Amino acid sequence: MATSVSGLTTIDVNSIVSQLMAVERQPLTAMKTSLSGIQTKLSAFGRLQGQLSALQSAAKALTRTERWQATTATSSDDAAVKVASAGTAQPGTYQLAVDALAQRQALASQQWSSADALVGGGTLRLQFGSIDQGSGTLVADAARPEIAITIPADATLAQVRDAINAAGAGIRASLVADGGSMRLAIRADDTGAGNAFSLAIDGDPGLATLAYTPGTPSPSMALTQASADASFSIDGLALTSSTNRLDGVLEGVAIELRRAGPDPVSIEIGSDTASMRSAIDDFVSAWNALNSSFAELTRYDAATGTAGTLQGNRSAISVQQQLRQVLSASVDGAALARLSDAGLSLQRDGSLKVDSARLNEALAQPAQLRELFAASGATDAARGLARRFDALIGAVLGVDGTMTGATEALQGQKQRVTRQQEAFETRMTLVEARLRRQYTALDASLAQWSSASAFLSSRFGESK
């Protein structure tokens, strides 16, 4: 009996293989979920580590001795005397009277028709020294030999100026317009009685008009300002200075004399409470940011059943507890033993709140605040709280620290799952290739059967 073979067709290899591979790849979903969870925890620990570092930096700032010795300087008249503290000045009030400012010697030449007027060339010989108060003559400074400044031949007034300035000899020249004429002004770079100078000329007659000898009148070169030291007094003590910038006259204070006058200027040196308050505020902000992150990452909301990324993580909880123990600890022997004594109170949510009134009272006694934060006692209980925070955070972030260990463990898990994922992907590639071969072969066989079926159908159809 003849057998009818019909209804055979080819198959959709891509569709079948895709569906089968979707089933085969299901374990990969779990691996990706695991990797995502590990990465989320790594990011959470990275966030905590960054904030711990910020808190450690803020704590270190409070352990520095200079932080609590910092001072500021103020002047009752900045227009007359400007002051600034280097941070180490001794607190106190001083009366500074400025009798005279330090001056630099200045000369002015005769009038010339213009900057292009021909002066001539030669050598200008410069000698520094001081003026003898009896004779008015220059007493040469043996430690400063005479300096020769070459002026080119046929030099104009402007070229003389340029040659002087190019020499860098300690004097500066400039052109000053005087009505329709021009003068050459020459002045010393530095103030002070020891910076007086003379000018001797070897050269053309025009250049010779620039000669100047202190104590000797000159029709062509006039002294417009004599060199002089500043004279002043501090609390009645008479002092002098070659400059108007006084560094070291008052220890740790930079003073600039700006104007002489009969009335003394009051200089007030006090504790730099603003920088101290700023350092404490930085510590509070760093703690509150870290505390907020710990609360978010370790929380569990029973109402919604949701948990933070590090909820139940022993490493995170351990570090949080250690930090809170330091925060609520006291310093043995300190006048301000606890943070609350300085106006920093611990809130129910673990954050710090600043009572400005109490903190300002504490800032009036910086030595007591230094003990609270920076005391270096023989025992841990006698050490300042900032020092304890610095040591604790250094330990947990160190090579063998809790946070480092937790992060390394997660990195190890990530590497293992990643290797498993890579191995699984390799196996899936082989499985997919095998399935494609099998179903492609089946498709070819079905195609042959379909062709044979069509042939048989056509033959049997003809016999009818």
Protein backbone atom coordinates (compact mmCIF):
# COMPACT_ATOMS: atom_id res chain seq x y z
CA MET A 1 0.00 0.00 0.00
CA ALA A 2 1.38 3.37 -0.87
CA THR A 3 2.18 5.78 1.94
CA SER A 4 1.36 9.43 1.55
CA VAL A 5 4.01 11.74 2.95
CA SER A 6 2.86 15.33 3.13
CA GLY A 7 2.86 18.48 5.38
CA LEU A 8 6.64 18.45 5.89
CA THR A 9 8.33 21.87 5.97
CA THR A 10 11.57 23.58 7.08
CA ILE A 11 12.06 24.89 10.65
CA ASP A 12 13.08 28.36 12.06
CA VAL A 13 16.52 27.45 13.39
CA ASN A 14 17.24 30.95 14.84
CA SER A 15 13.99 31.06 16.76
CA ILE A 16 14.36 27.58 18.21
CA VAL A 17 18.01 28.11 19.20
CA SER A 18 17.19 31.50 20.76
CA GLN A 19 14.43 29.98 22.87
CA LEU A 20 16.60 27.08 23.96
CA MET A 21 19.52 29.40 24.80
CA ALA A 22 17.22 31.60 26.87
CA VAL A 23 16.56 28.57 29.04
CA GLU A 24 20.24 27.62 29.12
CA ARG A 25 21.26 31.17 30.13
CA GLN A 26 18.98 31.43 33.15
CA PRO A 27 21.87 30.84 35.62
CA LEU A 28 23.59 33.86 34.08
CA THR A 29 20.82 36.11 35.38
CA ALA A 30 21.61 35.02 38.92
CA MET A 31 25.31 35.71 38.34
CA LYS A 32 24.60 39.21 37.02
CA THR A 33 22.35 39.90 39.99
CA SER A 34 25.09 38.72 42.33
CA LEU A 35 27.68 40.92 40.61
CA SER A 36 25.36 43.90 40.76
CA GLY A 37 24.84 43.37 44.49
CA ILE A 38 28.58 43.06 45.10
CA GLN A 39 29.29 46.21 43.11
CA THR A 40 26.62 48.10 45.02
CA LYS A 41 28.24 47.08 48.30
CA LEU A 42 31.68 48.05 47.00
CA SER A 43 30.32 51.47 46.06
CA ALA A 44 28.78 51.81 49.52
CA PHE A 45 32.08 50.96 51.21
CA GLY A 46 33.88 53.34 48.87
CA ARG A 47 31.50 56.09 49.91
CA LEU A 48 32.11 55.37 53.61
CA GLN A 49 35.88 55.23 53.10
CA GLY A 50 35.87 58.62 51.39
CA GLN A 51 33.84 60.18 54.20
CA LEU A 52 36.02 58.51 56.82
CA SER A 53 39.06 60.08 55.16
CA ALA A 54 37.33 63.47 55.22
CA LEU A 55 36.56 63.05 58.94
CA GLN A 56 40.16 62.01 59.60
CA SER A 57 41.45 65.13 57.83
CA ALA A 58 39.10 67.31 59.87
CA ALA A 59 40.26 65.58 63.06
CA LYS A 60 43.94 66.03 62.14
CA ALA A 61 43.35 69.76 61.70
CA LEU A 62 42.15 69.90 65.32
CA THR A 63 45.25 68.11 66.64
CA ARG A 64 47.73 70.70 65.35
CA THR A 65 49.18 72.89 68.10
CA GLU A 66 49.32 75.93 65.83
CA ARG A 67 45.57 75.67 65.33
CA TRP A 68 44.98 76.61 68.98
CA GLN A 69 47.80 79.18 69.09
CA ALA A 70 46.64 81.03 65.97
CA THR A 71 46.21 84.76 66.41
CA THR A 72 44.95 87.72 64.44
CA ALA A 73 46.26 91.28 64.44
CA THR A 74 44.17 94.42 63.97
CA SER A 75 45.13 98.08 63.71
CA SER A 76 43.04 100.97 64.93
CA ASP A 77 44.12 102.92 61.83
CA ASP A 78 44.96 100.86 58.73
CA ALA A 79 45.75 104.03 56.78
CA ALA A 80 48.66 104.73 59.15
CA VAL A 81 49.75 101.24 60.21
CA LYS A 82 48.70 97.96 58.62
CA VAL A 83 49.30 94.74 60.55
CA ALA A 84 48.97 91.01 59.95
CA SER A 85 49.64 88.06 62.23
CA ALA A 86 51.70 85.10 61.09
CA GLY A 87 49.61 83.03 63.49
CA THR A 88 52.16 82.77 66.30
CA ALA A 89 52.06 86.25 67.83
CA GLN A 90 51.49 86.65 71.55
CA PRO A 91 48.08 88.12 72.41
CA GLY A 92 48.23 91.66 73.73
CA THR A 93 47.73 95.36 72.92
CA TYR A 94 50.54 97.62 71.72
CA GLN A 95 50.78 101.36 71.03
CA LEU A 96 52.81 102.23 67.92
CA ALA A 97 53.68 105.83 67.06
CA VAL A 98 55.18 106.66 63.64
CA ASP A 99 57.49 109.67 63.74
CA ALA A 100 58.81 109.37 60.15
CA LEU A 101 58.58 106.93 57.28
CA ALA A 102 61.61 105.36 55.63
CA GLN A 103 62.49 107.12 52.37
CA ARG A 104 64.62 106.41 49.31
CA GLN A 105 66.97 109.01 47.81
CA ALA A 106 65.60 110.69 44.68
CA LEU A 107 67.25 113.08 42.22
CA ALA A 108 65.95 115.19 39.33
CA SER A 109 68.03 116.47 36.41
CA GLN A 110 67.93 119.86 34.73
CA GLN A 111 65.33 120.42 32.05
CA TRP A 112 65.93 118.93 28.60
CA SER A 113 64.00 119.81 25.48
CA SER A 114 62.63 116.30 24.96
CA ALA A 115 63.29 112.62 25.49
CA ASP A 116 65.25 112.66 22.22
CA ALA A 117 67.60 115.44 23.36
CA LEU A 118 71.26 114.49 22.85
CA VAL A 119 73.04 113.94 26.17
CA GLY A 120 76.17 112.01 25.15
CA GLY A 121 78.01 108.92 26.29
CA GLY A 122 80.52 107.84 28.89
CA THR A 123 80.54 106.09 32.26
CA LEU A 124 78.28 106.79 35.21
CA ARG A 125 79.93 105.69 38.48
CA LEU A 126 77.48 104.82 41.26
CA GLN A 127 78.49 104.64 44.94
CA PHE A 128 76.18 103.75 47.83
CA GLY A 129 76.67 104.76 51.44
CA SER A 130 75.22 106.91 54.17
CA ILE A 131 75.19 110.66 54.80
CA ASP A 132 77.41 112.04 57.51
CA GLN A 133 75.07 114.15 59.64
CA GLY A 134 77.80 116.68 60.41
CA SER A 135 79.18 117.43 56.96
CA GLY A 136 76.34 116.17 54.79
CA THR A 137 78.80 114.20 52.65
CA LEU A 138 78.54 110.60 51.59
CA VAL A 139 80.35 107.99 53.65
CA ALA A 140 80.90 105.15 51.17
CA ASP A 141 79.74 101.66 52.15
CA ALA A 142 82.88 99.54 51.96
CA ALA A 143 80.80 96.41 51.49
CA ARG A 144 79.29 97.86 48.30
CA PRO A 145 81.96 98.69 45.71
CA GLU A 146 81.45 101.42 43.16
CA ILE A 147 79.38 100.31 40.15
CA ALA A 148 80.18 101.50 36.61
CA ILE A 149 77.22 102.01 34.28
CA THR A 150 78.14 102.41 30.62
CA ILE A 151 76.18 104.99 28.63
CA PRO A 152 76.50 104.54 24.83
CA ALA A 153 78.01 107.31 22.66
CA ASP A 154 75.63 110.00 21.47
CA ALA A 155 72.93 108.73 23.81
CA THR A 156 69.64 110.61 24.03
CA LEU A 157 67.94 111.31 27.34
CA ALA A 158 65.68 108.28 26.79
CA GLN A 159 68.70 106.09 26.00
CA VAL A 160 70.45 107.23 29.18
CA ARG A 161 67.36 106.17 31.12
CA ASP A 162 67.35 102.77 29.41
CA ALA A 163 71.04 102.16 30.08
CA ILE A 164 70.66 102.96 33.80
CA ASN A 165 67.68 100.62 34.15
CA ALA A 166 69.32 97.83 32.16
CA ALA A 167 72.32 97.85 34.50
CA GLY A 168 70.26 96.67 37.50
CA ALA A 169 72.64 98.57 39.76
CA GLY A 170 70.17 99.48 42.53
CA ILE A 171 68.82 102.70 41.06
CA ARG A 172 65.95 103.34 38.63
CA ALA A 173 65.53 106.15 36.11
CA SER A 174 62.39 107.59 34.56
CA LEU A 175 61.39 110.56 32.41
CA VAL A 176 59.19 113.23 33.96
CA ALA A 177 57.41 115.83 31.84
CA ASP A 178 57.88 119.37 33.16
CA GLY A 179 55.70 121.69 31.10
CA GLY A 180 57.19 121.60 27.61
CA SER A 181 60.45 120.11 28.87
CA MET A 182 61.65 116.75 30.14
CA ARG A 183 63.63 115.82 33.26
CA LEU A 184 65.44 112.58 34.16
CA ALA A 185 64.44 111.35 37.62
CA ILE A 186 66.74 108.86 39.37
CA ARG A 187 65.93 107.14 42.64
CA ALA A 188 67.32 104.31 44.77
CA ASP A 189 65.52 100.97 44.67
CA ASP A 190 65.63 100.68 48.47
CA THR A 191 64.69 102.97 51.31
CA GLY A 192 66.86 103.66 54.34
CA ALA A 193 69.66 105.95 55.41
CA GLY A 194 72.22 103.39 54.24
CA ASN A 195 71.03 103.63 50.65
CA ALA A 196 72.13 107.17 49.84
CA PHE A 197 74.21 107.41 46.67
CA SER A 198 76.48 109.63 44.60
CA LEU A 199 76.90 109.79 40.82
CA ALA A 200 80.29 110.57 39.27
CA ILE A 201 80.61 110.99 35.49
CA ASP A 202 83.41 110.20 33.06
CA GLY A 203 82.23 111.30 29.65
CA ASP A 204 80.65 113.95 27.50
CA PRO A 205 79.69 117.36 28.95
CA GLY A 206 75.99 116.62 28.56
CA LEU A 207 76.29 113.42 30.57
CA ALA A 208 78.36 115.27 33.18
CA THR A 209 75.30 117.32 34.11
CA LEU A 210 73.94 114.16 35.77
CA ALA A 211 76.73 114.10 38.34
CA TYR A 212 75.66 114.40 41.96
CA THR A 213 77.82 114.62 45.09
CA PRO A 214 75.97 114.76 48.43
CA GLY A 215 76.83 117.89 50.40
CA THR A 216 77.89 119.74 47.24
CA PRO A 217 75.33 121.99 45.52
CA SER A 218 74.71 121.20 41.85
CA PRO A 219 72.98 123.51 39.36
CA SER A 220 71.99 120.62 37.11
CA MET A 221 71.07 117.78 39.52
CA ALA A 222 68.74 118.39 42.47
CA LEU A 223 68.08 116.23 45.53
CA THR A 224 64.28 115.92 45.68
CA GLN A 225 64.15 113.39 48.53
CA ALA A 226 66.82 112.31 50.97
CA SER A 227 67.32 108.72 52.06
CA ALA A 228 66.11 108.11 55.61
CA ASP A 229 65.24 105.37 58.06
CA ALA A 230 61.78 105.02 59.51
CA SER A 231 61.58 106.17 63.11
CA PHE A 232 58.83 104.91 65.37
CA SER A 233 58.16 103.72 68.88
CA ILE A 234 56.30 100.75 70.37
CA ASP A 235 54.94 101.33 73.85
CA GLY A 236 57.42 104.20 74.20
CA LEU A 237 60.47 102.26 73.00
CA ALA A 238 62.16 104.27 70.22
CA LEU A 239 63.15 102.19 67.18
CA THR A 240 64.34 102.65 63.60
CA SER A 241 64.12 100.62 60.41
CA SER A 242 65.56 100.98 56.94
CA THR A 243 62.19 99.96 55.48
CA ASN A 244 58.56 100.63 56.25
CA ARG A 245 57.95 96.89 56.39
CA LEU A 246 58.68 95.69 59.91
CA ASP A 247 59.06 91.92 60.18
CA GLY A 248 60.02 90.52 63.54
CA VAL A 249 59.84 93.77 65.50
CA LEU A 250 56.81 92.27 67.20
CA GLU A 251 57.19 88.48 67.20
CA GLY A 252 54.84 86.87 64.70
CA VAL A 253 53.44 90.20 63.44
CA ALA A 254 54.07 91.86 60.07
CA ILE A 255 53.78 95.64 60.29
CA GLU A 256 53.63 98.13 57.43
CA LEU A 257 54.17 101.79 58.25
CA ARG A 258 52.04 103.88 55.91
CA ARG A 259 51.79 107.37 57.40
CA ALA A 260 53.59 109.36 60.05
CA GLY A 261 51.60 111.29 62.61
CA PRO A 262 51.48 112.42 66.21
CA ASP A 263 48.78 110.03 67.34
CA PRO A 264 49.79 106.46 68.25
CA VAL A 265 48.02 103.54 66.60
CA SER A 266 46.68 100.70 68.72
CA ILE A 267 47.65 97.18 67.61
CA GLU A 268 45.51 94.38 69.03
CA ILE A 269 46.75 90.77 68.94
CA GLY A 270 44.07 88.21 69.83
CA SER A 271 43.25 84.54 69.40
CA ASP A 272 42.07 83.61 65.91
CA THR A 273 38.74 82.23 67.06
CA ALA A 274 37.33 82.41 63.53
CA SER A 275 39.79 79.83 62.19
CA MET A 276 39.27 77.67 65.29
CA ARG A 277 35.50 77.79 64.84
CA SER A 278 35.90 76.98 61.14
CA ALA A 279 37.98 73.88 61.96
CA ILE A 280 35.40 72.70 64.49
CA ASP A 281 32.56 73.30 62.03
CA ASP A 282 34.46 71.27 59.42
CA PHE A 283 34.74 68.40 61.90
CA VAL A 284 31.02 68.55 62.72
CA SER A 285 30.08 68.63 59.02
CA ALA A 286 32.34 65.67 58.25
CA TRP A 287 30.88 63.67 61.12
CA ASN A 288 27.27 64.45 60.19
CA ALA A 289 27.86 63.46 56.55
CA LEU A 290 29.39 60.15 57.63
CA ASN A 291 26.69 59.52 60.21
CA SER A 292 24.00 60.13 57.58
CA SER A 293 25.63 57.61 55.23
CA PHE A 294 25.89 54.97 57.96
CA ALA A 295 22.21 55.49 58.81
CA GLU A 296 21.16 55.19 55.17
CA LEU A 297 23.31 52.17 54.31
CA THR A 298 22.62 50.11 57.44
CA ARG A 299 18.94 50.93 57.94
CA TYR A 300 16.01 48.50 57.93
CA ASP A 301 12.48 49.77 57.38
CA ALA A 302 10.14 47.25 59.03
CA ALA A 303 7.07 48.94 57.55
CA THR A 304 8.19 48.45 53.96
CA GLY A 305 10.54 45.53 54.48
CA THR A 306 13.36 47.39 52.68
CA ALA A 307 16.96 47.30 53.83
CA GLY A 308 20.01 49.44 53.20
CA THR A 309 22.89 48.18 51.10
CA LEU A 310 24.98 47.30 54.17
CA GLN A 311 22.15 46.36 56.52
CA GLY A 312 23.46 43.68 58.85
CA ASN A 313 27.03 44.04 57.54
CA ARG A 314 29.25 43.36 60.56
CA SER A 315 32.19 45.40 59.28
CA ALA A 316 30.14 48.56 58.72
CA ILE A 317 28.29 48.21 62.02
CA SER A 318 31.53 47.58 63.93
CA VAL A 319 33.17 50.75 62.57
CA GLN A 320 30.04 52.79 63.26
CA GLN A 321 29.95 51.61 66.87
CA GLN A 322 33.64 52.34 67.45
CA LEU A 323 33.25 55.86 66.08
CA ARG A 324 30.25 56.56 68.28
CA GLN A 325 32.16 55.34 71.34
CA VAL A 326 34.87 57.92 70.68
CA LEU A 327 32.29 60.62 70.04
CA SER A 328 30.64 60.08 73.42
CA ALA A 329 33.90 59.55 75.33
CA SER A 330 35.54 61.97 77.77
CA VAL A 331 39.11 63.23 78.20
CA ASP A 332 40.61 62.60 81.63
CA GLY A 333 41.91 65.70 83.34
CA ALA A 334 40.53 68.17 80.78
CA ALA A 335 38.55 71.23 81.86
CA LEU A 336 36.26 70.56 78.90
CA ALA A 337 36.03 66.78 79.15
CA ARG A 338 33.25 66.05 76.65
CA LEU A 339 32.13 67.49 73.34
CA SER A 340 28.92 68.61 75.00
CA ASP A 341 30.99 70.80 77.36
CA ALA A 342 32.10 72.76 74.29
CA GLY A 343 28.59 73.05 72.87
CA LEU A 344 28.66 70.01 70.54
CA SER A 345 25.72 67.84 71.55
CA LEU A 346 24.95 64.36 70.23
CA GLN A 347 21.43 64.04 68.82
CA ARG A 348 19.15 60.97 68.86
CA ASP A 349 19.93 60.26 65.21
CA GLY A 350 23.67 60.22 65.97
CA SER A 351 24.40 63.63 64.46
CA LEU A 352 26.17 66.53 66.17
CA LYS A 353 24.49 69.87 66.81
CA VAL A 354 26.43 73.04 67.60
CA ASP A 355 25.32 75.35 70.39
CA SER A 356 26.99 78.54 69.16
CA ALA A 357 26.68 80.38 72.48
CA ARG A 358 28.43 77.62 74.44
CA LEU A 359 31.03 77.09 71.72
CA ASN A 360 31.84 80.81 71.67
CA GLU A 361 32.38 80.67 75.42
CA ALA A 362 34.76 77.74 74.93
CA LEU A 363 36.60 79.57 72.14
CA ALA A 364 37.48 82.28 74.63
CA GLN A 365 39.69 79.63 76.29
CA PRO A 366 41.50 78.01 73.34
CA ALA A 367 43.87 76.11 75.64
CA GLN A 368 40.91 74.21 77.08
CA LEU A 369 39.59 73.38 73.62
CA ARG A 370 43.05 72.19 72.64
CA GLU A 371 42.97 69.72 75.56
CA LEU A 372 39.56 68.42 74.49
CA PHE A 373 40.64 67.77 70.92
CA ALA A 374 44.42 67.55 70.87
CA ALA A 375 45.72 66.50 74.29
CA SER A 376 48.44 63.88 73.93
CA GLY A 377 48.04 62.05 77.22
CA ALA A 378 49.95 59.02 78.42
CA THR A 379 46.80 56.88 78.27
CA ASP A 380 44.08 56.63 75.68
CA ALA A 381 41.58 58.08 78.14
CA ALA A 382 43.76 61.19 78.50
CA ARG A 383 44.17 61.72 74.77
CA GLY A 384 42.17 64.36 72.92
CA LEU A 385 39.11 63.19 71.00
CA ALA A 386 40.45 64.37 67.65
CA ARG A 387 43.61 62.33 68.21
CA ARG A 388 41.48 59.27 68.97
CA PHE A 389 39.44 59.76 65.81
CA ASP A 390 42.62 60.14 63.77
CA ALA A 391 44.09 56.92 65.22
CA LEU A 392 40.85 54.91 64.90
CA ILE A 393 40.17 55.93 61.31
CA GLY A 394 43.79 55.34 60.39
CA ALA A 395 43.43 51.81 61.76
CA VAL A 396 40.15 50.92 60.02
CA LEU A 397 41.40 52.32 56.70
CA GLY A 398 44.85 50.77 57.05
CA VAL A 399 46.21 47.71 55.27
CA ASP A 400 44.80 45.38 57.92
CA GLY A 401 41.83 47.57 58.78
CA THR A 402 38.19 46.61 58.96
CA MET A 403 37.10 48.65 55.94
CA THR A 404 40.04 47.47 53.88
CA GLY A 405 39.33 43.83 54.75
CA ALA A 406 35.64 44.16 53.91
CA THR A 407 36.44 45.77 50.57
CA GLU A 408 39.05 43.13 49.69
CA ALA A 409 36.59 40.35 50.55
CA LEU A 410 34.00 41.86 48.22
CA GLN A 411 36.62 42.28 45.50
CA GLY A 412 37.46 38.59 45.88
CA GLN A 413 33.79 37.64 45.54
CA LYS A 414 33.49 39.87 42.50
CA GLN A 415 36.48 38.19 40.85
CA ARG A 416 35.12 34.70 41.54
CA VAL A 417 31.68 35.47 40.14
CA THR A 418 33.25 37.23 37.17
CA ARG A 419 35.36 34.16 36.40
CA GLN A 420 32.27 31.94 36.73
CA GLN A 421 30.40 34.24 34.40
CA GLU A 422 33.20 34.18 31.84
CA ALA A 423 33.41 30.37 32.00
CA PHE A 424 29.63 30.10 31.67
CA GLU A 425 29.65 32.46 28.66
CA THR A 426 32.31 30.30 27.03
CA ARG A 427 30.23 27.16 27.63
CA MET A 428 27.11 28.89 26.30
CA THR A 429 28.96 29.76 23.10
CA LEU A 430 29.78 26.08 22.61
CA VAL A 431 26.21 25.00 23.46
CA GLU A 432 24.75 27.50 21.01
CA ALA A 433 27.11 26.30 18.27
CA ARG A 434 26.10 22.67 18.95
CA LEU A 435 22.38 23.47 18.86
CA ARG A 436 22.75 25.38 15.63
CA ARG A 437 24.56 22.45 14.06
CA GLN A 438 21.89 20.02 15.22
CA TYR A 439 18.91 22.08 14.14
CA THR A 440 20.52 23.12 10.89
CA ALA A 441 21.06 19.45 10.09
CA LEU A 442 17.47 18.68 11.07
CA ASP A 443 16.27 21.54 8.89
CA ALA A 444 18.25 20.11 5.96
CA SER A 445 16.76 16.64 6.56
CA LEU A 446 13.26 18.07 6.69
CA ALA A 447 13.93 19.94 3.49
CA GLN A 448 14.93 16.63 1.82
CA TRP A 449 11.82 14.89 3.16
CA SER A 450 9.70 17.75 1.96
CA SER A 451 11.19 17.47 -1.52
CA ALA A 452 10.67 13.70 -1.58
CA SER A 453 7.12 14.13 -0.34
CA ALA A 454 6.37 16.56 -3.10
CA PHE A 455 7.81 14.17 -5.68
CA LEU A 456 5.79 11.20 -4.38
CA SER A 457 2.64 13.25 -4.23
CA SER A 458 3.08 14.31 -7.78
CA ARG A 459 3.72 10.73 -8.93
CA PHE A 460 0.77 9.23 -7.06
CA GLY A 461 -1.37 12.07 -8.29
CA GLU A 462 -0.52 11.16 -11.92
CA SER A 463 -1.43 7.42 -11.39
CA LYS A 464 -4.94 8.46 -10.50
